[in-house]
N, C-alpha and C. Protein backbone atom coordinates (compact mmCIF):
# COMPACT_ATOMS: atom_id res chain seq x y z
N UNK A 1 -5.47 6.26 16.61
CA UNK A 1 -5.10 7.40 15.71
C UNK A 1 -4.49 6.87 14.45
N UNK A 2 -4.94 7.27 13.38
CA UNK A 2 -4.37 6.84 12.07
C UNK A 2 -3.14 7.64 11.81
N UNK A 3 -2.21 6.87 11.05
CA UNK A 3 -0.92 7.47 10.79
C UNK A 3 -0.92 8.25 9.48
N UNK A 4 -1.98 8.21 8.68
CA UNK A 4 -1.96 8.76 7.35
C UNK A 4 -1.04 7.98 6.40
N UNK A 5 -0.71 8.60 5.31
CA UNK A 5 0.12 7.90 4.35
C UNK A 5 1.60 8.11 4.74
N UNK A 6 2.42 7.12 4.52
CA UNK A 6 3.80 7.20 4.79
C UNK A 6 4.57 6.92 3.54
N UNK A 7 5.29 7.96 3.04
CA UNK A 7 6.04 7.80 1.79
C UNK A 7 7.24 6.98 2.15
N UNK A 8 7.52 5.89 1.39
CA UNK A 8 8.51 4.91 1.68
C UNK A 8 9.44 4.65 0.48
N UNK A 9 10.61 4.25 0.74
CA UNK A 9 11.63 3.92 -0.31
C UNK A 9 12.21 2.59 -0.08
N UNK A 10 13.08 2.12 -0.91
CA UNK A 10 13.78 0.85 -0.69
C UNK A 10 14.58 0.92 0.59
N UNK A 11 15.10 2.10 0.94
CA UNK A 11 15.92 2.18 2.08
C UNK A 11 15.21 1.88 3.37
N UNK A 12 13.96 2.21 3.48
CA UNK A 12 13.21 1.94 4.83
C UNK A 12 12.06 1.03 4.64
N UNK A 13 11.85 0.39 3.47
CA UNK A 13 10.67 -0.53 3.29
C UNK A 13 10.62 -1.64 4.23
N UNK A 14 11.69 -2.40 4.35
CA UNK A 14 11.74 -3.59 5.26
C UNK A 14 11.57 -3.11 6.64
N UNK A 15 12.17 -2.02 7.05
CA UNK A 15 11.98 -1.45 8.46
C UNK A 15 10.49 -1.15 8.63
N UNK A 16 9.82 -0.53 7.72
CA UNK A 16 8.45 -0.22 7.83
C UNK A 16 7.58 -1.56 8.05
N UNK A 17 7.91 -2.57 7.22
CA UNK A 17 7.20 -3.89 7.40
C UNK A 17 7.42 -4.51 8.71
N UNK A 18 8.62 -4.29 9.27
CA UNK A 18 8.89 -4.83 10.60
C UNK A 18 8.28 -4.06 11.78
N UNK A 19 8.14 -2.71 11.56
CA UNK A 19 7.57 -1.84 12.55
C UNK A 19 6.13 -2.00 12.68
N UNK A 20 5.40 -2.32 11.57
CA UNK A 20 3.92 -2.42 11.60
C UNK A 20 3.43 -3.84 11.23
N UNK A 21 2.61 -4.41 12.06
CA UNK A 21 2.16 -5.71 11.70
C UNK A 21 1.22 -5.76 10.56
N UNK A 22 0.37 -4.73 10.32
CA UNK A 22 -0.54 -4.71 9.22
C UNK A 22 -0.18 -3.52 8.29
N UNK A 23 0.12 -3.85 7.04
CA UNK A 23 0.56 -2.82 6.08
C UNK A 23 -0.14 -2.94 4.80
N UNK A 24 -0.51 -1.83 4.22
CA UNK A 24 -1.01 -1.77 2.83
C UNK A 24 -0.08 -0.87 2.03
N UNK A 25 0.29 -1.27 0.86
CA UNK A 25 1.20 -0.46 0.08
C UNK A 25 0.56 -0.09 -1.23
N UNK A 26 0.70 1.20 -1.57
CA UNK A 26 0.29 1.64 -2.93
C UNK A 26 1.51 1.92 -3.70
N UNK A 27 1.70 1.19 -4.90
CA UNK A 27 2.79 1.44 -5.77
C UNK A 27 2.29 2.32 -6.95
N UNK A 28 3.08 3.32 -7.23
CA UNK A 28 2.64 4.29 -8.30
C UNK A 28 3.86 4.67 -9.10
N UNK A 29 3.58 5.44 -10.15
CA UNK A 29 4.63 6.09 -10.95
C UNK A 29 4.15 7.50 -11.25
N UNK A 30 5.01 8.41 -11.42
CA UNK A 30 4.65 9.82 -11.72
C UNK A 30 3.83 9.97 -13.04
N UNK A 31 4.18 9.11 -13.97
CA UNK A 31 3.49 9.23 -15.31
C UNK A 31 2.14 8.51 -15.33
N UNK A 32 1.76 7.82 -14.25
CA UNK A 32 0.55 6.98 -14.22
C UNK A 32 -0.68 7.76 -13.87
N UNK A 33 -1.55 7.97 -14.90
CA UNK A 33 -2.78 8.76 -14.71
C UNK A 33 -3.69 8.13 -13.63
N UNK A 34 -3.87 6.76 -13.76
CA UNK A 34 -4.79 6.11 -12.71
C UNK A 34 -4.28 6.30 -11.35
N UNK A 35 -2.86 6.30 -11.19
CA UNK A 35 -2.31 6.44 -9.90
C UNK A 35 -2.63 7.84 -9.28
N UNK A 36 -2.60 8.86 -10.16
CA UNK A 36 -2.92 10.19 -9.70
C UNK A 36 -4.36 10.36 -9.34
N UNK A 37 -5.25 9.62 -10.08
CA UNK A 37 -6.66 9.58 -9.77
C UNK A 37 -6.98 9.00 -8.47
N UNK A 38 -6.22 7.89 -8.16
CA UNK A 38 -6.45 7.12 -6.94
C UNK A 38 -5.86 7.81 -5.67
N UNK A 39 -4.90 8.72 -5.84
CA UNK A 39 -4.20 9.27 -4.76
C UNK A 39 -5.15 9.89 -3.63
N UNK A 40 -6.18 10.74 -4.01
CA UNK A 40 -7.06 11.24 -2.97
C UNK A 40 -7.87 10.15 -2.23
N UNK A 41 -8.23 9.11 -2.98
CA UNK A 41 -8.91 7.96 -2.33
C UNK A 41 -8.13 7.28 -1.33
N UNK A 42 -6.85 7.03 -1.69
CA UNK A 42 -5.95 6.47 -0.81
C UNK A 42 -5.74 7.24 0.44
N UNK A 43 -5.61 8.58 0.26
CA UNK A 43 -5.39 9.45 1.39
C UNK A 43 -6.62 9.37 2.28
N UNK A 44 -7.86 9.25 1.78
CA UNK A 44 -9.03 9.18 2.56
C UNK A 44 -9.09 7.84 3.26
N UNK A 45 -8.70 6.77 2.67
CA UNK A 45 -8.68 5.45 3.28
C UNK A 45 -7.68 5.45 4.36
N UNK A 46 -6.48 6.13 4.23
CA UNK A 46 -5.42 6.16 5.30
C UNK A 46 -6.00 6.91 6.49
N UNK A 47 -6.94 7.80 6.32
CA UNK A 47 -7.46 8.58 7.50
C UNK A 47 -8.77 7.91 8.00
N UNK A 48 -9.19 6.86 7.42
CA UNK A 48 -10.51 6.31 7.81
C UNK A 48 -10.34 5.46 9.14
N UNK A 49 -11.18 5.82 10.10
CA UNK A 49 -11.07 5.21 11.45
C UNK A 49 -11.28 3.70 11.39
N UNK A 50 -11.96 3.14 10.41
CA UNK A 50 -12.15 1.71 10.27
C UNK A 50 -10.83 1.00 10.15
N UNK A 51 -9.85 1.70 9.59
CA UNK A 51 -8.59 1.05 9.31
C UNK A 51 -7.46 1.51 10.28
N UNK A 52 -7.82 1.84 11.45
CA UNK A 52 -6.88 2.18 12.49
C UNK A 52 -5.97 0.96 12.71
N UNK A 53 -4.68 1.21 12.87
CA UNK A 53 -3.78 0.12 13.10
C UNK A 53 -3.19 -0.46 11.84
N UNK A 54 -3.57 0.03 10.66
CA UNK A 54 -3.05 -0.34 9.38
C UNK A 54 -2.10 0.77 8.99
N UNK A 55 -0.93 0.44 8.54
CA UNK A 55 0.11 1.40 8.09
C UNK A 55 -0.17 1.51 6.49
N UNK A 56 -0.29 2.75 6.00
CA UNK A 56 -0.52 2.96 4.60
C UNK A 56 0.77 3.49 4.03
N UNK A 57 1.40 2.70 3.26
CA UNK A 57 2.71 3.12 2.60
C UNK A 57 2.47 3.60 1.15
N UNK A 58 3.24 4.45 0.68
CA UNK A 58 3.14 5.04 -0.66
C UNK A 58 4.57 4.87 -1.19
N UNK A 59 4.72 4.13 -2.37
CA UNK A 59 6.02 3.85 -2.93
C UNK A 59 5.97 4.14 -4.45
N UNK A 60 7.00 4.89 -4.91
CA UNK A 60 7.23 5.09 -6.26
C UNK A 60 7.93 3.76 -6.84
N UNK A 61 7.13 3.08 -7.69
CA UNK A 61 7.50 1.76 -8.15
C UNK A 61 8.71 1.89 -9.00
N UNK A 62 8.89 2.97 -9.76
CA UNK A 62 10.04 3.07 -10.66
C UNK A 62 11.29 3.38 -9.99
N UNK A 63 11.25 4.07 -8.87
CA UNK A 63 12.49 4.37 -8.13
C UNK A 63 12.89 3.40 -7.01
N UNK A 64 12.03 2.42 -6.74
CA UNK A 64 12.26 1.49 -5.71
C UNK A 64 12.08 0.02 -6.12
N UNK A 65 13.06 -0.55 -6.90
CA UNK A 65 12.94 -1.88 -7.43
C UNK A 65 12.78 -2.97 -6.36
N UNK A 66 13.42 -2.81 -5.28
CA UNK A 66 13.49 -3.87 -4.25
C UNK A 66 12.07 -3.97 -3.62
N UNK A 67 11.41 -2.89 -3.31
CA UNK A 67 10.03 -2.87 -2.77
C UNK A 67 9.11 -3.39 -3.77
N UNK A 68 9.31 -3.12 -5.05
CA UNK A 68 8.45 -3.56 -6.11
C UNK A 68 8.55 -5.07 -6.27
N UNK A 69 9.75 -5.59 -6.22
CA UNK A 69 10.01 -6.99 -6.32
C UNK A 69 9.37 -7.78 -5.19
N UNK A 70 9.35 -7.25 -4.02
CA UNK A 70 8.80 -7.78 -2.74
C UNK A 70 7.35 -8.14 -2.97
N UNK A 71 6.61 -7.37 -3.80
CA UNK A 71 5.15 -7.62 -3.97
C UNK A 71 4.79 -8.13 -5.34
N UNK A 72 5.81 -8.33 -6.20
CA UNK A 72 5.58 -8.85 -7.50
C UNK A 72 4.75 -7.87 -8.37
N UNK A 73 5.09 -6.56 -8.28
CA UNK A 73 4.27 -5.50 -9.03
C UNK A 73 4.44 -5.75 -10.48
N UNK A 74 3.28 -5.81 -11.24
CA UNK A 74 3.35 -6.01 -12.65
C UNK A 74 2.54 -4.99 -13.47
N UNK A 75 1.91 -4.05 -12.71
CA UNK A 75 1.10 -3.06 -13.43
C UNK A 75 0.84 -1.96 -12.32
N UNK A 76 0.45 -0.80 -12.79
CA UNK A 76 0.13 0.30 -11.83
C UNK A 76 -1.16 0.91 -12.05
N UNK A 77 -1.88 1.37 -11.03
CA UNK A 77 -1.48 1.34 -9.63
C UNK A 77 -1.55 -0.11 -9.16
N UNK A 78 -0.72 -0.43 -8.20
CA UNK A 78 -0.63 -1.77 -7.60
C UNK A 78 -0.77 -1.66 -6.17
N UNK A 79 -1.51 -2.50 -5.48
CA UNK A 79 -1.69 -2.53 -4.05
C UNK A 79 -1.27 -3.84 -3.52
N UNK A 80 -0.64 -3.81 -2.37
CA UNK A 80 -0.22 -5.08 -1.72
C UNK A 80 -0.44 -4.96 -0.20
N UNK A 81 -0.90 -6.04 0.43
CA UNK A 81 -1.05 -6.08 1.84
C UNK A 81 -0.04 -6.98 2.42
N UNK A 82 0.51 -6.68 3.59
CA UNK A 82 1.56 -7.41 4.23
C UNK A 82 1.05 -7.63 5.75
N UNK A 83 1.20 -8.86 6.20
CA UNK A 83 0.87 -9.17 7.63
C UNK A 83 2.16 -9.72 8.25
N UNK A 84 2.62 -9.08 9.30
CA UNK A 84 3.86 -9.48 9.97
C UNK A 84 5.02 -9.56 9.01
N UNK A 85 5.15 -8.70 8.04
CA UNK A 85 6.27 -8.66 7.10
C UNK A 85 6.08 -9.65 5.92
N UNK A 86 5.02 -10.42 5.87
CA UNK A 86 4.82 -11.39 4.71
C UNK A 86 3.74 -10.83 3.81
N UNK A 87 3.99 -11.01 2.53
CA UNK A 87 2.99 -10.61 1.56
C UNK A 87 1.75 -11.42 1.59
N UNK A 88 0.57 -10.80 1.83
CA UNK A 88 -0.72 -11.55 1.84
C UNK A 88 -1.38 -11.53 0.51
N UNK A 89 -1.46 -10.39 -0.14
CA UNK A 89 -2.14 -10.28 -1.38
C UNK A 89 -1.54 -9.05 -2.16
N UNK A 90 -1.49 -9.19 -3.47
CA UNK A 90 -1.14 -8.10 -4.31
C UNK A 90 -2.13 -8.03 -5.48
N UNK A 91 -2.50 -6.82 -5.91
CA UNK A 91 -3.36 -6.65 -7.05
C UNK A 91 -3.19 -5.31 -7.74
N UNK A 92 -3.18 -5.43 -9.09
CA UNK A 92 -3.17 -4.19 -9.91
C UNK A 92 -4.61 -3.79 -10.01
N UNK A 93 -5.01 -2.65 -9.48
CA UNK A 93 -6.49 -2.25 -9.62
C UNK A 93 -6.50 -0.73 -9.35
N UNK A 94 -7.58 -0.15 -9.95
CA UNK A 94 -7.83 1.18 -9.62
C UNK A 94 -9.31 1.33 -9.01
N UNK A 95 -9.77 0.16 -8.64
CA UNK A 95 -11.15 0.10 -8.02
C UNK A 95 -10.97 0.24 -6.45
N UNK A 96 -11.61 1.26 -5.91
CA UNK A 96 -11.59 1.47 -4.50
C UNK A 96 -12.13 0.30 -3.70
N UNK A 97 -13.23 -0.26 -4.16
CA UNK A 97 -13.75 -1.38 -3.42
C UNK A 97 -12.81 -2.62 -3.29
N UNK A 98 -12.01 -2.85 -4.35
CA UNK A 98 -11.07 -3.93 -4.26
C UNK A 98 -9.97 -3.67 -3.16
N UNK A 99 -9.53 -2.37 -3.14
CA UNK A 99 -8.50 -2.02 -2.14
C UNK A 99 -9.13 -2.10 -0.73
N UNK A 100 -10.34 -1.65 -0.57
CA UNK A 100 -11.00 -1.71 0.71
C UNK A 100 -11.19 -3.12 1.16
N UNK A 101 -11.55 -4.02 0.21
CA UNK A 101 -11.70 -5.47 0.54
C UNK A 101 -10.28 -6.04 1.02
N UNK A 102 -9.27 -5.71 0.40
CA UNK A 102 -7.86 -6.12 0.75
C UNK A 102 -7.58 -5.64 2.17
N UNK A 103 -7.87 -4.41 2.44
CA UNK A 103 -7.56 -3.88 3.81
C UNK A 103 -8.45 -4.51 4.90
N UNK A 104 -9.69 -4.73 4.51
CA UNK A 104 -10.60 -5.38 5.51
C UNK A 104 -10.12 -6.77 5.83
N UNK A 105 -9.68 -7.54 4.73
CA UNK A 105 -9.18 -8.82 4.92
C UNK A 105 -7.88 -8.80 5.83
N UNK A 106 -7.07 -7.85 5.60
CA UNK A 106 -5.88 -7.71 6.42
C UNK A 106 -6.24 -7.42 7.94
N UNK A 107 -7.31 -6.61 8.17
CA UNK A 107 -7.74 -6.23 9.51
C UNK A 107 -8.23 -7.51 10.31
N UNK A 108 -8.85 -8.41 9.54
CA UNK A 108 -9.43 -9.60 10.28
C UNK A 108 -8.43 -10.79 10.29
N UNK A 109 -7.24 -10.61 9.72
CA UNK A 109 -6.20 -11.70 9.75
C UNK A 109 -5.48 -11.70 11.09
């Protein structure tokens, strides 16, 4: 069963990384048009049965500097994958196929 998207903050970010072995994070800001456009795609990916066992976190990059620093966020939208609490890959992209490739790589690690 997929967990869907989990809205996360600096307060529980580390806890989420510790709770889930495979994590993908979407960093966004309220003013970011590309972030808004990607939101329904991310929701769909979070519900995709291919990615069962992967936690999909959603973090407002402006309000959560610690979580942002953890992944080296330099642009938005930004996606990062974590395996057992360690950053695997981070990329500023709004291409769904790039995000899917990151998640597939995470699933096979």
